[in-house]
N, C-alpha and C. Protein backbone atom coordinates (compact mmCIF):
# COMPACT_ATOMS: atom_id res chain seq x y z
N MET A 1 6.32 9.33 2.44
CA MET A 1 6.78 8.95 1.15
C MET A 1 7.67 10.10 0.33
N LYS A 2 9.19 10.10 0.22
CA LYS A 2 9.51 11.74 -0.36
C LYS A 2 8.56 12.03 -1.67
N LYS A 3 9.08 13.06 -2.24
CA LYS A 3 8.27 13.66 -2.98
C LYS A 3 9.02 13.67 -3.76
N PRO A 4 7.81 13.24 -5.76
CA PRO A 4 8.18 12.56 -6.39
C PRO A 4 9.55 13.40 -7.54
N LYS A 5 10.32 12.22 -7.96
CA LYS A 5 11.19 13.62 -9.10
C LYS A 5 10.85 13.61 -9.77
N PHE A 6 9.49 12.80 -10.74
CA PHE A 6 9.00 12.39 -12.15
C PHE A 6 7.83 13.75 -12.45
N THR A 7 7.87 13.76 -13.56
CA THR A 7 6.06 14.54 -13.66
C THR A 7 5.19 14.61 -13.26
N LYS A 8 4.50 15.05 -12.44
CA LYS A 8 3.65 15.50 -12.15
C LYS A 8 2.27 14.15 -13.27
N GLY A 9 0.90 13.53 -13.05
CA GLY A 9 0.32 13.51 -13.38
C GLY A 9 -0.97 14.91 -14.32
N PRO A 10 -1.53 14.12 -14.44
CA PRO A 10 -1.81 13.41 -15.10
C PRO A 10 -0.99 12.84 -16.91
N TRP A 11 -0.74 11.51 -16.70
CA TRP A 11 -0.28 11.38 -18.03
C TRP A 11 -1.39 10.95 -18.80
N LEU A 12 -1.47 10.72 -19.91
CA LEU A 12 -2.00 10.35 -20.80
C LEU A 12 -1.71 9.38 -21.29
N VAL A 13 -2.90 9.40 -22.59
CA VAL A 13 -2.59 8.49 -23.56
C VAL A 13 -3.41 8.97 -25.33
N ALA A 14 -2.24 8.69 -26.05
CA ALA A 14 -2.65 9.65 -27.38
C ALA A 14 -2.59 8.40 -28.51
N ALA A 15 -3.83 8.50 -29.31
CA ALA A 15 -3.48 7.71 -30.88
C ALA A 15 -2.52 6.23 -30.70
N ASP A 16 -3.21 6.11 -28.96
CA ASP A 16 -2.47 4.48 -28.03
C ASP A 16 -1.18 4.07 -28.24
N THR A 17 -0.30 4.92 -28.68
CA THR A 17 1.09 4.59 -28.31
C THR A 17 1.92 5.73 -27.55
N PHE A 18 1.17 6.95 -27.65
CA PHE A 18 1.46 7.95 -27.84
C PHE A 18 1.44 8.40 -25.60
N VAL A 19 2.81 9.11 -25.02
CA VAL A 19 2.00 9.24 -23.78
C VAL A 19 2.78 10.05 -23.39
N TYR A 20 1.46 11.31 -22.68
CA TYR A 20 2.16 12.41 -22.71
C TYR A 20 1.29 13.08 -21.23
N GLY A 21 2.04 13.70 -20.62
CA GLY A 21 2.23 14.64 -19.53
C GLY A 21 1.13 16.22 -19.59
N GLN A 22 0.82 16.24 -19.33
CA GLN A 22 -0.28 17.81 -18.85
C GLN A 22 0.55 18.31 -18.34
N GLY A 23 1.21 19.92 -18.15
CA GLY A 23 1.74 20.91 -17.72
C GLY A 23 0.58 21.69 -17.11
N PRO A 24 0.53 22.11 -16.08
CA PRO A 24 -0.22 23.55 -15.19
C PRO A 24 -1.16 24.44 -15.86
N ASN A 25 -0.61 24.26 -17.70
CA ASN A 25 -1.01 25.63 -18.50
C ASN A 25 -2.07 24.80 -19.61
N GLY A 26 -1.91 23.74 -19.55
CA GLY A 26 -3.00 21.92 -20.60
C GLY A 26 -1.75 21.99 -21.51
N THR A 27 -0.59 22.41 -21.43
CA THR A 27 0.52 21.83 -22.80
C THR A 27 0.64 20.82 -21.96
N ASN A 28 1.25 20.26 -23.21
CA ASN A 28 2.48 18.94 -22.92
C ASN A 28 3.76 18.93 -22.35
N SER A 29 3.43 18.45 -20.55
CA SER A 29 5.41 19.29 -20.28
C SER A 29 6.43 17.82 -21.32
N PHE A 30 5.79 16.61 -21.03
CA PHE A 30 7.02 15.69 -22.00
C PHE A 30 5.36 14.31 -23.08
N PHE A 31 6.01 14.02 -24.22
CA PHE A 31 5.86 12.70 -24.55
C PHE A 31 6.56 11.57 -25.58
N LEU A 32 6.12 10.44 -25.17
CA LEU A 32 6.76 9.69 -25.22
C LEU A 32 6.16 8.83 -26.25
N ASP A 33 6.45 8.39 -27.55
CA ASP A 33 6.13 7.50 -28.15
C ASP A 33 6.62 5.58 -27.60
N VAL A 34 5.78 5.11 -27.60
CA VAL A 34 5.67 3.28 -27.47
C VAL A 34 6.50 2.13 -28.05
N THR A 35 5.86 3.14 -29.46
CA THR A 35 6.63 1.85 -31.00
C THR A 35 7.89 2.63 -30.69
N PHE A 36 8.58 1.22 -31.93
CA PHE A 36 9.36 1.60 -32.17
C PHE A 36 9.95 0.94 -33.71
N PRO A 37 10.01 1.72 -34.45
CA PRO A 37 10.42 0.59 -36.44
C PRO A 37 11.12 -0.32 -36.55
N GLY A 38 11.75 -1.06 -35.58
CA GLY A 38 13.10 -1.11 -35.92
C GLY A 38 12.15 -3.15 -36.62
N PRO A 39 13.62 -4.33 -36.63
CA PRO A 39 13.23 -5.48 -36.35
C PRO A 39 12.91 -6.59 -35.34
N GLU A 40 12.42 -5.81 -34.68
CA GLU A 40 12.77 -7.07 -33.11
C GLU A 40 11.03 -6.00 -32.27
N ARG A 41 10.94 -5.28 -33.73
CA ARG A 41 8.90 -4.14 -32.91
C ARG A 41 7.95 -5.11 -32.63
N ILE A 42 7.34 -4.49 -31.55
CA ILE A 42 6.37 -5.27 -30.90
C ILE A 42 5.31 -4.90 -31.02
N CYS A 43 4.46 -6.51 -31.25
CA CYS A 43 2.79 -6.07 -32.00
C CYS A 43 2.06 -4.72 -31.22
N ASP A 44 0.74 -4.19 -31.71
CA ASP A 44 0.24 -3.03 -32.08
C ASP A 44 -0.53 -2.88 -30.68
N GLU A 45 -1.14 -4.74 -30.10
CA GLU A 45 -1.34 -4.28 -28.54
C GLU A 45 -0.48 -4.31 -27.88
N GLU A 46 0.42 -5.34 -28.27
CA GLU A 46 1.16 -4.90 -26.50
C GLU A 46 2.31 -2.79 -26.10
N ALA A 47 1.71 -3.05 -27.92
CA ALA A 47 2.79 -1.04 -27.39
C ALA A 47 1.11 -0.62 -27.16
N MET A 48 0.47 -0.92 -27.36
CA MET A 48 -1.15 0.11 -26.46
C MET A 48 -1.39 -0.19 -24.93
N ALA A 49 -0.60 -1.49 -24.55
CA ALA A 49 -1.25 -2.39 -23.28
C ALA A 49 0.56 -0.91 -22.16
N ASN A 50 1.44 -1.09 -23.08
CA ASN A 50 1.90 -0.11 -23.06
C ASN A 50 2.69 1.26 -21.71
N ALA A 51 1.43 1.57 -23.05
CA ALA A 51 1.35 2.94 -22.91
C ALA A 51 0.93 3.65 -22.40
N TYR A 52 -0.36 2.71 -22.02
CA TYR A 52 -1.45 2.56 -20.74
C TYR A 52 -0.74 2.52 -19.26
N LEU A 53 -0.37 1.35 -19.38
CA LEU A 53 0.85 1.15 -17.93
C LEU A 53 2.07 1.97 -17.75
N ILE A 54 2.09 2.98 -18.75
CA ILE A 54 3.35 4.06 -18.41
C ILE A 54 3.02 5.03 -17.55
N ALA A 55 1.19 5.60 -18.78
CA ALA A 55 1.00 6.58 -17.78
C ALA A 55 -0.44 6.22 -16.84
N SER A 56 -0.49 5.32 -16.27
CA SER A 56 -0.98 4.96 -14.47
C SER A 56 0.07 5.25 -13.77
N ALA A 57 1.81 5.74 -14.53
CA ALA A 57 2.58 5.20 -12.66
C ALA A 57 2.42 5.87 -11.90
N PRO A 58 2.03 7.74 -12.28
CA PRO A 58 1.95 8.89 -11.54
C PRO A 58 1.27 8.25 -10.28
N GLU A 59 -0.60 7.45 -10.82
CA GLU A 59 -1.47 7.11 -9.89
C GLU A 59 -1.33 5.63 -9.04
N LEU A 60 -0.55 4.89 -9.78
CA LEU A 60 0.13 4.03 -8.92
C LEU A 60 1.32 3.91 -8.08
N TYR A 61 1.57 5.19 -7.92
CA TYR A 61 2.61 5.73 -7.20
C TYR A 61 2.22 6.37 -5.69
N TRP A 62 0.92 7.14 -6.12
CA TRP A 62 0.37 7.73 -5.03
C TRP A 62 -0.63 6.88 -4.40
N LYS A 63 -1.16 5.45 -5.08
CA LYS A 63 -1.46 4.31 -4.91
C LYS A 63 -0.67 3.22 -3.29
N VAL A 64 0.40 3.30 -4.53
CA VAL A 64 1.48 2.71 -2.97
C VAL A 64 1.96 3.01 -1.96
N ASP A 65 2.08 4.51 -1.90
CA ASP A 65 1.76 5.24 -1.20
C ASP A 65 1.37 5.65 0.24
N GLU A 66 0.30 5.40 -0.09
CA GLU A 66 -1.06 5.57 0.84
C GLU A 66 -1.41 3.94 0.94
N LEU A 67 -1.02 2.72 0.63
CA LEU A 67 -1.08 1.51 0.86
C LEU A 67 0.42 1.11 2.78
N LYS A 68 1.00 2.58 1.56
CA LYS A 68 2.51 2.53 3.06
C LYS A 68 1.98 2.94 4.06
N GLY A 69 1.07 3.71 3.31
CA GLY A 69 0.44 5.05 5.19
C GLY A 69 -1.02 3.60 5.95
N GLN A 70 -1.65 2.71 5.10
CA GLN A 70 -2.35 1.35 5.88
C GLN A 70 -1.42 0.43 6.30
N LEU A 71 -0.54 0.23 5.94
CA LEU A 71 0.24 -0.89 7.19
C LEU A 71 0.85 0.05 7.60
N ARG A 72 1.66 1.12 7.69
CA ARG A 72 2.11 1.68 9.05
C ARG A 72 0.63 1.24 9.72
N ASP A 73 -0.28 2.21 10.04
CA ASP A 73 -1.52 2.27 10.49
C ASP A 73 -2.11 0.65 11.19
N ALA A 74 -1.28 -1.25 10.60
CA ALA A 74 -2.18 -1.38 11.09
C ALA A 74 -1.34 -2.63 12.06
N GLU A 75 0.33 -2.14 11.87
CA GLU A 75 1.40 -2.28 12.03
C GLU A 75 1.40 -1.64 13.55
N ALA A 76 0.83 -0.07 13.64
CA ALA A 76 0.36 0.55 15.20
C ALA A 76 -0.78 0.07 16.39
N ASN A 77 -1.53 -0.60 15.19
CA ASN A 77 -2.64 -1.38 16.20
C ASN A 77 -2.27 -2.51 16.41
N ARG A 78 -1.59 -2.98 16.07
CA ARG A 78 -1.62 -4.04 16.59
C ARG A 78 -0.23 -4.96 17.58
N ILE A 79 0.46 -3.12 16.99
CA ILE A 79 1.31 -3.13 18.66
C ILE A 79 0.61 -2.92 19.94
N ASN A 80 -0.56 -2.33 19.93
CA ASN A 80 -1.75 -1.10 20.29
C ASN A 80 -2.33 -2.14 21.82
N LEU A 81 -2.97 -3.78 20.21
CA LEU A 81 -3.45 -4.77 20.71
C LEU A 81 -2.95 -5.74 21.78
N VAL A 82 -1.18 -5.10 21.28
CA VAL A 82 -0.11 -6.80 21.79
C VAL A 82 -0.87 -6.38 23.68
N ALA A 83 -0.22 -4.74 23.46
CA ALA A 83 -0.11 -3.90 25.17
C ALA A 83 -1.62 -4.40 25.48
N ALA A 84 -2.70 -4.27 24.29
CA ALA A 84 -4.45 -4.12 25.64
C ALA A 84 -4.07 -5.83 26.64
N LEU A 85 -4.37 -6.95 25.25
CA LEU A 85 -4.30 -8.49 25.34
C LEU A 85 -3.72 -8.15 26.37
N SER A 86 -2.00 -7.69 26.77
CA SER A 86 -0.97 -8.28 27.26
C SER A 86 -1.86 -8.09 29.07
N VAL A 87 -2.85 -6.97 29.27
CA VAL A 87 -2.97 -6.28 30.29
C VAL A 87 -4.11 -6.70 31.13
N CYS A 88 -4.80 -7.60 29.82
CA CYS A 88 -5.80 -7.92 29.86
C CYS A 88 -5.85 -8.97 31.01
N VAL A 89 -4.34 -10.49 30.50
CA VAL A 89 -3.55 -11.37 30.69
C VAL A 89 -3.48 -11.27 31.83
N GLU A 90 -3.22 -10.24 32.09
CA GLU A 90 -2.56 -9.68 33.81
C GLU A 90 -3.42 -9.76 34.63
N GLN A 91 -4.64 -9.65 33.79
CA GLN A 91 -5.35 -9.41 34.82
C GLN A 91 -6.40 -10.62 34.82
N LEU A 92 -6.80 -10.78 34.28
CA LEU A 92 -6.37 -13.21 34.46
C LEU A 92 -5.92 -13.57 34.87
N GLU A 93 -4.75 -12.89 35.28
CA GLU A 93 -3.75 -14.40 36.71
C GLU A 93 -3.71 -14.05 38.03
N ASP A 94 -3.99 -12.94 38.03
CA ASP A 94 -4.80 -11.99 38.87
C ASP A 94 -5.63 -12.09 40.85
N ASP A 95 -5.26 -12.61 41.87
CA ASP A 95 -6.07 -13.72 42.21
C ASP A 95 -7.65 -12.45 42.85
N ASP A 96 -7.15 -11.36 42.88
CA ASP A 96 -8.47 -10.93 43.17
C ASP A 96 -9.32 -10.36 41.82
N PRO A 97 -10.68 -11.14 42.22
CA PRO A 97 -11.61 -11.47 40.65
C PRO A 97 -12.63 -10.40 39.77
N GLU A 98 -12.56 -9.17 41.43
CA GLU A 98 -12.82 -8.03 40.75
C GLU A 98 -12.12 -7.87 39.61
N SER A 99 -10.83 -7.86 39.23
CA SER A 99 -10.13 -6.94 38.40
C SER A 99 -9.66 -7.98 37.33
N ARG A 100 -10.92 -8.90 36.92
CA ARG A 100 -11.10 -9.89 35.48
C ARG A 100 -11.64 -9.46 34.74
N CYS A 101 -10.40 -8.97 33.16
CA CYS A 101 -11.17 -9.11 32.35
C CYS A 101 -12.16 -9.85 31.47
N MET A 102 -11.24 -11.55 31.45
CA MET A 102 -12.19 -12.54 30.97
C MET A 102 -11.93 -13.75 32.25
N ASP A 103 -12.47 -14.53 30.95
CA ASP A 103 -11.99 -15.96 32.55
C ASP A 103 -11.02 -16.73 32.60
N ASN A 104 -10.65 -17.12 32.89
CA ASN A 104 -9.25 -18.12 33.06
C ASN A 104 -9.31 -18.81 31.44
N ASN A 105 -9.93 -19.23 31.37
CA ASN A 105 -9.69 -20.29 29.77
C ASN A 105 -9.53 -18.54 28.51
N ALA A 106 -9.75 -17.71 28.55
CA ALA A 106 -9.92 -16.87 27.65
C ALA A 106 -8.63 -16.16 28.61
N ALA A 107 -7.09 -16.12 29.41
CA ALA A 107 -6.72 -16.41 29.61
C ALA A 107 -5.49 -16.47 28.35
N ASP A 108 -5.71 -17.90 28.52
CA ASP A 108 -4.48 -18.94 27.64
C ASP A 108 -5.03 -18.61 26.23
N TYR A 109 -5.91 -18.00 25.29
CA TYR A 109 -6.44 -17.80 24.84
C TYR A 109 -5.50 -16.00 24.23
N GLY A 110 -5.88 -15.59 24.94
CA GLY A 110 -5.49 -14.10 25.12
C GLY A 110 -3.25 -14.30 24.58
N ARG A 111 -2.96 -15.07 25.78
CA ARG A 111 -1.08 -15.46 25.19
C ARG A 111 -1.26 -16.17 24.29
N SER A 112 -1.76 -17.19 23.18
CA SER A 112 -1.93 -17.55 22.32
C SER A 112 -2.21 -16.34 20.40
N THR A 113 -2.47 -15.57 21.12
CA THR A 113 -2.86 -14.64 20.09
C THR A 113 -1.82 -13.72 20.45
N ILE A 114 -1.71 -13.40 22.00
CA ILE A 114 0.02 -11.44 21.72
C ILE A 114 0.87 -13.23 20.82
N ILE A 115 1.04 -13.98 21.31
CA ILE A 115 2.53 -15.09 20.15
C ILE A 115 1.99 -14.52 18.74
N LYS A 116 1.34 -14.49 18.21
CA LYS A 116 1.00 -14.53 17.24
C LYS A 116 1.27 -13.67 16.65
N LEU A 117 -0.28 -12.09 17.32
CA LEU A 117 0.32 -10.76 16.91
C LEU A 117 2.26 -10.18 16.86
N GLN A 118 3.28 -10.75 17.81
CA GLN A 118 3.89 -10.08 17.91
C GLN A 118 5.04 -11.00 17.17
N GLN A 119 4.38 -12.18 16.21
CA GLN A 119 5.33 -12.75 15.15
C GLN A 119 4.33 -12.55 13.68
N GLY A 120 3.08 -11.38 13.96
CA GLY A 120 2.61 -10.54 12.97
C GLY A 120 1.93 -11.93 12.44
N ASN A 121 1.54 -13.25 13.02
CA ASN A 121 0.39 -13.74 11.95
C ASN A 121 -1.01 -13.03 12.68
């Protein structure tokens, strides 16, 4: 993932509705009050929930980045598994009994598993 273009965390909450970012020297790099004194003002509980949700943004960003990496790894593993199963199925179909890695029933199972893996199931 590209380098984020937002203020680095941690983002903290004070007085339940003020979100602020702490700079490298411990000073505030920004602050935000999630309340608004207008006629459509949200309730205090909703304002507090919004503040904590906003404050969690940097952590959520990095977690999504980590999960994207895990998904890439899982896809690579799926591709490698398809290749390995394909080799085993080819060996099962071979007439030389010494080259078999499974019995003939396993070849059918291997083929169906390959199809499912190729479809992403």
